[in-house]
Amino acid sequence: MWKKAKDALSCCKKLVVIGYSFPPPDFMTKRLFLESFSTNTLDELIVVNPQKAAVTKVKNLCYFKIPTRFTNLDEFVEYSRSSSSR
């Protein structure tokens, strides 16, 4: 399962992380992200999380400078709806 996740992350161009804060004990997931994005550059990173610290963790794990951030799911859903109607 971890290999499939790494394969998918290693080639994705858009990533949406909803509600996950990468807690300190989750070494495996952090390693997965660091390894996957060491060779893959995202075009877009979207983080849905009210905690600024969580956004910082995700952007650092993905080597991404300025992610799009939403503080709640409603904001993200509205953004998604307006984006898909363009």
PDB file of N, CA and C in Angstrom:
ATOM      1  N   MET A   1       0.825  -1.188   0.000  1.00  0.00           N
ATOM      2  CA  MET A   1       0.000   0.000   0.000  1.00  0.00           C
ATOM      3  C   MET A   1       0.879   1.265   0.000  1.00  0.00           C
ATOM      4  N   TRP A   2       1.951   1.240   0.792  1.00  0.00           N
ATOM      5  CA  TRP A   2       2.833   2.409   0.852  1.00  0.00           C
ATOM      6  C   TRP A   2       3.480   2.677  -0.504  1.00  0.00           C
ATOM      7  N   LYS A   3       3.852   1.615  -1.221  1.00  0.00           N
ATOM      8  CA  LYS A   3       4.461   1.792  -2.544  1.00  0.00           C
ATOM      9  C   LYS A   3       3.465   2.416  -3.512  1.00  0.00           C
ATOM     10  N   LYS A   4       2.218   1.974  -3.464  1.00  0.00           N
ATOM     11  CA  LYS A   4       1.198   2.556  -4.341  1.00  0.00           C
ATOM     12  C   LYS A   4       0.992   4.040  -4.022  1.00  0.00           C
ATOM     13  N   ALA A   5       0.992   4.357  -2.740  1.00  0.00           N
ATOM     14  CA  ALA A   5       0.841   5.763  -2.340  1.00  0.00           C
ATOM     15  C   ALA A   5       2.033   6.586  -2.844  1.00  0.00           C
ATOM     16  N   LYS A   6       3.230   6.054  -2.692  1.00  0.00           N
ATOM     17  CA  LYS A   6       4.425   6.773  -3.159  1.00  0.00           C
ATOM     18  C   LYS A   6       4.393   6.957  -4.672  1.00  0.00           C
ATOM     19  N   ASP A   7       4.007   5.920  -5.392  1.00  0.00           N
ATOM     20  CA  ASP A   7       3.908   6.022  -6.854  1.00  0.00           C
ATOM     21  C   ASP A   7       2.925   7.112  -7.268  1.00  0.00           C
ATOM     22  N   ALA A   8       1.780   7.158  -6.595  1.00  0.00           N
ATOM     23  CA  ALA A   8       0.761   8.162  -6.927  1.00  0.00           C
ATOM     24  C   ALA A   8       1.244   9.568  -6.591  1.00  0.00           C
ATOM     25  N   LEU A   9       1.829   9.743  -5.414  1.00  0.00           N
ATOM     26  CA  LEU A   9       2.307  11.075  -5.025  1.00  0.00           C
ATOM     27  C   LEU A   9       3.494  11.518  -5.867  1.00  0.00           C
ATOM     28  N   SER A  10       4.297  10.576  -6.306  1.00  0.00           N
ATOM     29  CA  SER A  10       5.496  10.914  -7.083  1.00  0.00           C
ATOM     30  C   SER A  10       5.194  11.458  -8.468  1.00  0.00           C
ATOM     31  N   CYS A  11       3.946  11.310  -8.916  1.00  0.00           N
ATOM     32  CA  CYS A  11       3.620  11.820 -10.254  1.00  0.00           C
ATOM     33  C   CYS A  11       2.424  12.768 -10.260  1.00  0.00           C
ATOM     34  N   CYS A  12       1.811  13.003  -9.109  1.00  0.00           N
ATOM     35  CA  CYS A  12       0.652  13.904  -9.114  1.00  0.00           C
ATOM     36  C   CYS A  12       1.099  15.354  -9.295  1.00  0.00           C
ATOM     37  N   LYS A  13       0.246  16.148  -9.857  1.00  0.00           N
ATOM     38  CA  LYS A  13       0.561  17.561 -10.075  1.00  0.00           C
ATOM     39  C   LYS A  13      -0.290  18.489  -9.213  1.00  0.00           C
ATOM     40  N   LYS A  14      -1.412  17.973  -8.729  1.00  0.00           N
ATOM     41  CA  LYS A  14      -2.277  18.739  -7.840  1.00  0.00           C
ATOM     42  C   LYS A  14      -2.588  17.863  -6.633  1.00  0.00           C
ATOM     43  N   LEU A  15      -2.401  18.429  -5.441  1.00  0.00           N
ATOM     44  CA  LEU A  15      -2.653  17.681  -4.226  1.00  0.00           C
ATOM     45  C   LEU A  15      -3.556  18.498  -3.313  1.00  0.00           C
ATOM     46  N   VAL A  16      -4.574  17.842  -2.786  1.00  0.00           N
ATOM     47  CA  VAL A  16      -5.484  18.469  -1.828  1.00  0.00           C
ATOM     48  C   VAL A  16      -5.375  17.680  -0.524  1.00  0.00           C
ATOM     49  N   VAL A  17      -5.002  18.360   0.552  1.00  0.00           N
ATOM     50  CA  VAL A  17      -4.891  17.738   1.870  1.00  0.00           C
ATOM     51  C   VAL A  17      -5.991  18.352   2.737  1.00  0.00           C
ATOM     52  N   ILE A  18      -6.920  17.517   3.171  1.00  0.00           N
ATOM     53  CA  ILE A  18      -8.064  18.006   3.940  1.00  0.00           C
ATOM     54  C   ILE A  18      -8.008  17.469   5.364  1.00  0.00           C
ATOM     55  N   GLY A  19      -7.822  18.385   6.307  1.00  0.00           N
ATOM     56  CA  GLY A  19      -7.954  18.066   7.714  1.00  0.00           C
ATOM     57  C   GLY A  19      -6.864  17.247   8.357  1.00  0.00           C
ATOM     58  N   TYR A  20      -5.811  16.942   7.646  1.00  0.00           N
ATOM     59  CA  TYR A  20      -4.735  16.140   8.237  1.00  0.00           C
ATOM     60  C   TYR A  20      -3.609  17.063   8.672  1.00  0.00           C
ATOM     61  N   SER A  21      -3.154  16.892   9.906  1.00  0.00           N
ATOM     62  CA  SER A  21      -2.157  17.819  10.463  1.00  0.00           C
ATOM     63  C   SER A  21      -0.772  17.211  10.621  1.00  0.00           C
ATOM     64  N   PHE A  22      -0.547  16.005  10.118  1.00  0.00           N
ATOM     65  CA  PHE A  22       0.756  15.349  10.197  1.00  0.00           C
ATOM     66  C   PHE A  22       1.306  15.383  11.623  1.00  0.00           C
ATOM     67  N   PRO A  23       0.662  14.650  12.541  1.00  0.00           N
ATOM     68  CA  PRO A  23       1.099  14.667  13.934  1.00  0.00           C
ATOM     69  C   PRO A  23       2.519  14.134  14.096  1.00  0.00           C
ATOM     70  N   PRO A  24       3.230  14.571  15.120  1.00  0.00           N
ATOM     71  CA  PRO A  24       4.631  14.171  15.313  1.00  0.00           C
ATOM     72  C   PRO A  24       4.903  12.670  15.247  1.00  0.00           C
ATOM     73  N   PRO A  25       4.049  11.791  15.789  1.00  0.00           N
ATOM     74  CA  PRO A  25       4.370  10.360  15.728  1.00  0.00           C
ATOM     75  C   PRO A  25       4.214   9.716  14.346  1.00  0.00           C
ATOM     76  N   ASP A  26       3.636  10.417  13.390  1.00  0.00           N
ATOM     77  CA  ASP A  26       3.386   9.825  12.071  1.00  0.00           C
ATOM     78  C   ASP A  26       4.608   9.961  11.161  1.00  0.00           C
ATOM     79  N   PHE A  27       5.664   9.274  11.527  1.00  0.00           N
ATOM     80  CA  PHE A  27       6.920   9.335  10.776  1.00  0.00           C
ATOM     81  C   PHE A  27       6.777   8.757   9.377  1.00  0.00           C
ATOM     82  N   MET A  28       5.994   7.686   9.243  1.00  0.00           N
ATOM     83  CA  MET A  28       5.872   7.019   7.943  1.00  0.00           C
ATOM     84  C   MET A  28       5.245   7.933   6.885  1.00  0.00           C
ATOM     85  N   THR A  29       4.203   8.649   7.260  1.00  0.00           N
ATOM     86  CA  THR A  29       3.551   9.535   6.295  1.00  0.00           C
ATOM     87  C   THR A  29       4.460  10.704   5.941  1.00  0.00           C
ATOM     88  N   LYS A  30       5.134  11.260   6.931  1.00  0.00           N
ATOM     89  CA  LYS A  30       6.064  12.360   6.647  1.00  0.00           C
ATOM     90  C   LYS A  30       7.169  11.897   5.701  1.00  0.00           C
ATOM     91  N   ARG A  31       7.712  10.729   5.958  1.00  0.00           N
ATOM     92  CA  ARG A  31       8.759  10.182   5.086  1.00  0.00           C
ATOM     93  C   ARG A  31       8.217   9.961   3.674  1.00  0.00           C
ATOM     94  N   LEU A  32       7.001   9.423   3.597  1.00  0.00           N
ATOM     95  CA  LEU A  32       6.361   9.197   2.299  1.00  0.00           C
ATOM     96  C   LEU A  32       6.287  10.493   1.497  1.00  0.00           C
ATOM     97  N   PHE A  33       5.843  11.560   2.132  1.00  0.00           N
ATOM     98  CA  PHE A  33       5.725  12.841   1.440  1.00  0.00           C
ATOM     99  C   PHE A  33       7.098  13.400   1.063  1.00  0.00           C
ATOM    100  N   LEU A  34       8.039  13.369   1.987  1.00  0.00           N
ATOM    101  CA  LEU A  34       9.374  13.906   1.689  1.00  0.00           C
ATOM    102  C   LEU A  34      10.022  13.172   0.520  1.00  0.00           C
ATOM    103  N   GLU A  35       9.915  11.857   0.515  1.00  0.00           N
ATOM    104  CA  GLU A  35      10.514  11.077  -0.572  1.00  0.00           C
ATOM    105  C   GLU A  35       9.773  11.284  -1.890  1.00  0.00           C
ATOM    106  N   SER A  36       8.465  11.289  -1.831  1.00  0.00           N
ATOM    107  CA  SER A  36       7.669  11.431  -3.057  1.00  0.00           C
ATOM    108  C   SER A  36       7.902  12.770  -3.740  1.00  0.00           C
ATOM    109  N   PHE A  37       7.981  13.820  -2.950  1.00  0.00           N
ATOM    110  CA  PHE A  37       8.106  15.151  -3.543  1.00  0.00           C
ATOM    111  C   PHE A  37       9.551  15.615  -3.699  1.00  0.00           C
ATOM    112  N   SER A  38      10.489  14.748  -3.346  1.00  0.00           N
ATOM    113  CA  SER A  38      11.891  15.094  -3.615  1.00  0.00           C
ATOM    114  C   SER A  38      12.180  15.008  -5.114  1.00  0.00           C
ATOM    115  N   THR A  39      11.361  14.236  -5.826  1.00  0.00           N
ATOM    116  CA  THR A  39      11.539  14.083  -7.269  1.00  0.00           C
ATOM    117  C   THR A  39      10.346  14.575  -8.075  1.00  0.00           C
ATOM    118  N   ASN A  40       9.325  15.057  -7.415  1.00  0.00           N
ATOM    119  CA  ASN A  40       8.113  15.528  -8.097  1.00  0.00           C
ATOM    120  C   ASN A  40       7.809  16.955  -7.663  1.00  0.00           C
ATOM    121  N   THR A  41       7.528  17.803  -8.615  1.00  0.00           N
ATOM    122  CA  THR A  41       7.161  19.183  -8.313  1.00  0.00           C
ATOM    123  C   THR A  41       5.676  19.379  -8.574  1.00  0.00           C
ATOM    124  N   LEU A  42       4.968  19.741  -7.533  1.00  0.00           N
ATOM    125  CA  LEU A  42       3.537  20.007  -7.671  1.00  0.00           C
ATOM    126  C   LEU A  42       3.298  21.309  -8.425  1.00  0.00           C
ATOM    127  N   ASP A  43       2.213  21.348  -9.183  1.00  0.00           N
ATOM    128  CA  ASP A  43       1.752  22.593  -9.796  1.00  0.00           C
ATOM    129  C   ASP A  43       0.836  23.335  -8.829  1.00  0.00           C
ATOM    130  N   GLU A  44       0.126  22.566  -7.993  1.00  0.00           N
ATOM    131  CA  GLU A  44      -0.829  23.182  -7.072  1.00  0.00           C
ATOM    132  C   GLU A  44      -0.947  22.344  -5.804  1.00  0.00           C
ATOM    133  N   LEU A  45      -0.951  23.039  -4.674  1.00  0.00           N
ATOM    134  CA  LEU A  45      -1.162  22.406  -3.373  1.00  0.00           C
ATOM    135  C   LEU A  45      -2.284  23.152  -2.673  1.00  0.00           C
ATOM    136  N   ILE A  46      -3.311  22.420  -2.277  1.00  0.00           N
ATOM    137  CA  ILE A  46      -4.440  23.002  -1.558  1.00  0.00           C
ATOM    138  C   ILE A  46      -4.506  22.327  -0.189  1.00  0.00           C
ATOM    139  N   VAL A  47      -4.582  23.143   0.846  1.00  0.00           N
ATOM    140  CA  VAL A  47      -4.673  22.622   2.203  1.00  0.00           C
ATOM    141  C   VAL A  47      -5.940  23.170   2.851  1.00  0.00           C
ATOM    142  N   VAL A  48      -6.768  22.265   3.354  1.00  0.00           N
ATOM    143  CA  VAL A  48      -7.987  22.649   4.055  1.00  0.00           C
ATOM    144  C   VAL A  48      -7.764  22.301   5.524  1.00  0.00           C
ATOM    145  N   ASN A  49      -7.467  23.324   6.307  1.00  0.00           N
ATOM    146  CA  ASN A  49      -7.156  23.108   7.716  1.00  0.00           C
ATOM    147  C   ASN A  49      -7.159  24.454   8.427  1.00  0.00           C
ATOM    148  N   PRO A  50      -7.817  24.566   9.578  1.00  0.00           N
ATOM    149  CA  PRO A  50      -7.835  25.847  10.288  1.00  0.00           C
ATOM    150  C   PRO A  50      -6.511  26.186  10.975  1.00  0.00           C
ATOM    151  N   GLN A  51      -5.643  25.204  11.127  1.00  0.00           N
ATOM    152  CA  GLN A  51      -4.379  25.413  11.833  1.00  0.00           C
ATOM    153  C   GLN A  51      -3.267  25.835  10.874  1.00  0.00           C
ATOM    154  N   LYS A  52      -2.712  27.023  11.112  1.00  0.00           N
ATOM    155  CA  LYS A  52      -1.622  27.496  10.259  1.00  0.00           C
ATOM    156  C   LYS A  52      -0.410  26.576  10.328  1.00  0.00           C
ATOM    157  N   ALA A  53      -0.165  26.001  11.503  1.00  0.00           N
ATOM    158  CA  ALA A  53       0.977  25.101  11.661  1.00  0.00           C
ATOM    159  C   ALA A  53       0.850  23.879  10.751  1.00  0.00           C
ATOM    160  N   ALA A  54      -0.360  23.402  10.560  1.00  0.00           N
ATOM    161  CA  ALA A  54      -0.588  22.251   9.678  1.00  0.00           C
ATOM    162  C   ALA A  54      -0.268  22.611   8.231  1.00  0.00           C
ATOM    163  N   VAL A  55      -0.632  23.810   7.832  1.00  0.00           N
ATOM    164  CA  VAL A  55      -0.346  24.268   6.471  1.00  0.00           C
ATOM    165  C   VAL A  55       1.167  24.347   6.262  1.00  0.00           C
ATOM    166  N   THR A  56       1.863  24.862   7.240  1.00  0.00           N
ATOM    167  CA  THR A  56       3.325  24.961   7.164  1.00  0.00           C
ATOM    168  C   THR A  56       3.954  23.581   7.038  1.00  0.00           C
ATOM    169  N   LYS A  57       3.478  22.622   7.815  1.00  0.00           N
ATOM    170  CA  LYS A  57       4.012  21.255   7.731  1.00  0.00           C
ATOM    171  C   LYS A  57       3.823  20.677   6.341  1.00  0.00           C
ATOM    172  N   VAL A  58       2.621  20.807   5.806  1.00  0.00           N
ATOM    173  CA  VAL A  58       2.329  20.231   4.494  1.00  0.00           C
ATOM    174  C   VAL A  58       3.200  20.871   3.422  1.00  0.00           C
ATOM    175  N   LYS A  59       3.294  22.177   3.423  1.00  0.00           N
ATOM    176  CA  LYS A  59       4.093  22.832   2.369  1.00  0.00           C
ATOM    177  C   LYS A  59       5.559  22.447   2.473  1.00  0.00           C
ATOM    178  N   ASN A  60       6.069  22.267   3.688  1.00  0.00           N
ATOM    179  CA  ASN A  60       7.454  21.843   3.855  1.00  0.00           C
ATOM    180  C   ASN A  60       7.661  20.399   3.414  1.00  0.00           C
ATOM    181  N   LEU A  61       6.711  19.533   3.698  1.00  0.00           N
ATOM    182  CA  LEU A  61       6.816  18.136   3.297  1.00  0.00           C
ATOM    183  C   LEU A  61       6.715  17.961   1.780  1.00  0.00           C
ATOM    184  N   CYS A  62       6.037  18.899   1.123  1.00  0.00           N
ATOM    185  CA  CYS A  62       5.856  18.828  -0.329  1.00  0.00           C
ATOM    186  C   CYS A  62       6.824  19.739  -1.083  1.00  0.00           C
ATOM    187  N   TYR A  63       7.660  20.452  -0.352  1.00  0.00           N
ATOM    188  CA  TYR A  63       8.596  21.406  -0.968  1.00  0.00           C
ATOM    189  C   TYR A  63       7.849  22.418  -1.838  1.00  0.00           C
ATOM    190  N   PHE A  64       6.741  22.933  -1.319  1.00  0.00           N
ATOM    191  CA  PHE A  64       5.893  23.852  -2.071  1.00  0.00           C
ATOM    192  C   PHE A  64       5.848  25.186  -1.339  1.00  0.00           C
ATOM    193  N   LYS A  65       6.055  26.269  -2.061  1.00  0.00           N
ATOM    194  CA  LYS A  65       6.197  27.577  -1.403  1.00  0.00           C
ATOM    195  C   LYS A  65       4.902  28.194  -0.909  1.00  0.00           C
ATOM    196  N   ILE A  66       3.925  28.348  -1.777  1.00  0.00           N
ATOM    197  CA  ILE A  66       2.713  29.073  -1.390  1.00  0.00           C
ATOM    198  C   ILE A  66       1.464  28.252  -1.746  1.00  0.00           C
ATOM    199  N   PRO A  67       0.995  27.445  -0.799  1.00  0.00           N
ATOM    200  CA  PRO A  67      -0.220  26.669  -1.074  1.00  0.00           C
ATOM    201  C   PRO A  67      -1.475  27.533  -0.980  1.00  0.00           C
ATOM    202  N   THR A  68      -2.532  27.066  -1.577  1.00  0.00           N
ATOM    203  CA  THR A  68      -3.836  27.686  -1.400  1.00  0.00           C
ATOM    204  C   THR A  68      -4.409  27.105  -0.121  1.00  0.00           C
ATOM    205  N   ARG A  69      -4.890  27.974   0.760  1.00  0.00           N
ATOM    206  CA  ARG A  69      -5.372  27.510   2.063  1.00  0.00           C
ATOM    207  C   ARG A  69      -6.831  27.878   2.266  1.00  0.00           C
ATOM    208  N   PHE A  70      -7.555  26.914   2.785  1.00  0.00           N
ATOM    209  CA  PHE A  70      -8.934  27.129   3.211  1.00  0.00           C
ATOM    210  C   PHE A  70      -9.020  26.701   4.668  1.00  0.00           C
ATOM    211  N   THR A  71      -9.723  27.475   5.471  1.00  0.00           N
ATOM    212  CA  THR A  71      -9.807  27.165   6.894  1.00  0.00           C
ATOM    213  C   THR A  71     -10.913  26.174   7.226  1.00  0.00           C
ATOM    214  N   ASN A  72     -11.813  25.949   6.266  1.00  0.00           N
ATOM    215  CA  ASN A  72     -12.868  24.956   6.518  1.00  0.00           C
ATOM    216  C   ASN A  72     -13.338  24.342   5.198  1.00  0.00           C
ATOM    217  N   LEU A  73     -14.054  23.262   5.323  1.00  0.00           N
ATOM    218  CA  LEU A  73     -14.489  22.513   4.149  1.00  0.00           C
ATOM    219  C   LEU A  73     -15.477  23.294   3.289  1.00  0.00           C
ATOM    220  N   ASP A  74     -16.331  24.100   3.911  1.00  0.00           N
ATOM    221  CA  ASP A  74     -17.295  24.896   3.141  1.00  0.00           C
ATOM    222  C   ASP A  74     -16.598  25.837   2.164  1.00  0.00           C
ATOM    223  N   GLU A  75     -15.532  26.492   2.618  1.00  0.00           N
ATOM    224  CA  GLU A  75     -14.764  27.388   1.735  1.00  0.00           C
ATOM    225  C   GLU A  75     -14.197  26.618   0.549  1.00  0.00           C
ATOM    226  N   PHE A  76     -13.656  25.446   0.823  1.00  0.00           N
ATOM    227  CA  PHE A  76     -13.064  24.639  -0.244  1.00  0.00           C
ATOM    228  C   PHE A  76     -14.117  24.176  -1.241  1.00  0.00           C
ATOM    229  N   VAL A  77     -15.271  23.742  -0.737  1.00  0.00           N
ATOM    230  CA  VAL A  77     -16.347  23.283  -1.625  1.00  0.00           C
ATOM    231  C   VAL A  77     -16.812  24.432  -2.515  1.00  0.00           C
ATOM    232  N   GLU A  78     -16.970  25.600  -1.946  1.00  0.00           N
ATOM    233  CA  GLU A  78     -17.391  26.771  -2.740  1.00  0.00           C
ATOM    234  C   GLU A  78     -16.347  27.086  -3.815  1.00  0.00           C
ATOM    235  N   TYR A  79     -15.093  27.058  -3.450  1.00  0.00           N
ATOM    236  CA  TYR A  79     -14.002  27.286  -4.400  1.00  0.00           C
ATOM    237  C   TYR A  79     -14.043  26.239  -5.523  1.00  0.00           C
ATOM    238  N   SER A  80     -14.232  24.985  -5.135  1.00  0.00           N
ATOM    239  CA  SER A  80     -14.274  23.903  -6.127  1.00  0.00           C
ATOM    240  C   SER A  80     -15.433  24.072  -7.100  1.00  0.00           C
ATOM    241  N   ARG A  81     -16.577  24.457  -6.568  1.00  0.00           N
ATOM    242  CA  ARG A  81     -17.743  24.672  -7.440  1.00  0.00           C
ATOM    243  C   ARG A  81     -17.504  25.807  -8.422  1.00  0.00           C
ATOM    244  N   SER A  82     -16.933  26.906  -7.912  1.00  0.00           N
ATOM    245  CA  SER A  82     -16.705  28.054  -8.803  1.00  0.00           C
ATOM    246  C   SER A  82     -15.611  27.752  -9.802  1.00  0.00           C
ATOM    247  N   SER A  83     -14.625  26.958  -9.430  1.00  0.00           N
ATOM    248  CA  SER A  83     -13.542  26.598 -10.344  1.00  0.00           C
ATOM    249  C   SER A  83     -14.025  25.672 -11.458  1.00  0.00           C
ATOM    250  N   SER A  84     -14.927  24.771 -11.124  1.00  0.00           N
ATOM    251  CA  SER A  84     -15.399  23.813 -12.125  1.00  0.00           C
ATOM    252  C   SER A  84     -16.394  24.445 -13.103  1.00  0.00           C
ATOM    253  N   SER A  85     -16.963  25.574 -12.746  1.00  0.00           N
ATOM    254  CA  SER A  85     -17.915  26.219 -13.650  1.00  0.00           C
ATOM    255  C   SER A  85     -17.235  27.159 -14.642  1.00  0.00           C
ATOM    256  N   ARG A  86     -15.938  27.272 -14.526  1.00  0.00           N
ATOM    257  CA  ARG A  86     -15.197  28.156 -15.466  1.00  0.00           C
ATOM    258  C   ARG A  86     -14.932  27.498 -16.765  1.00  0.00           C
TER     259      ARG A  86
END
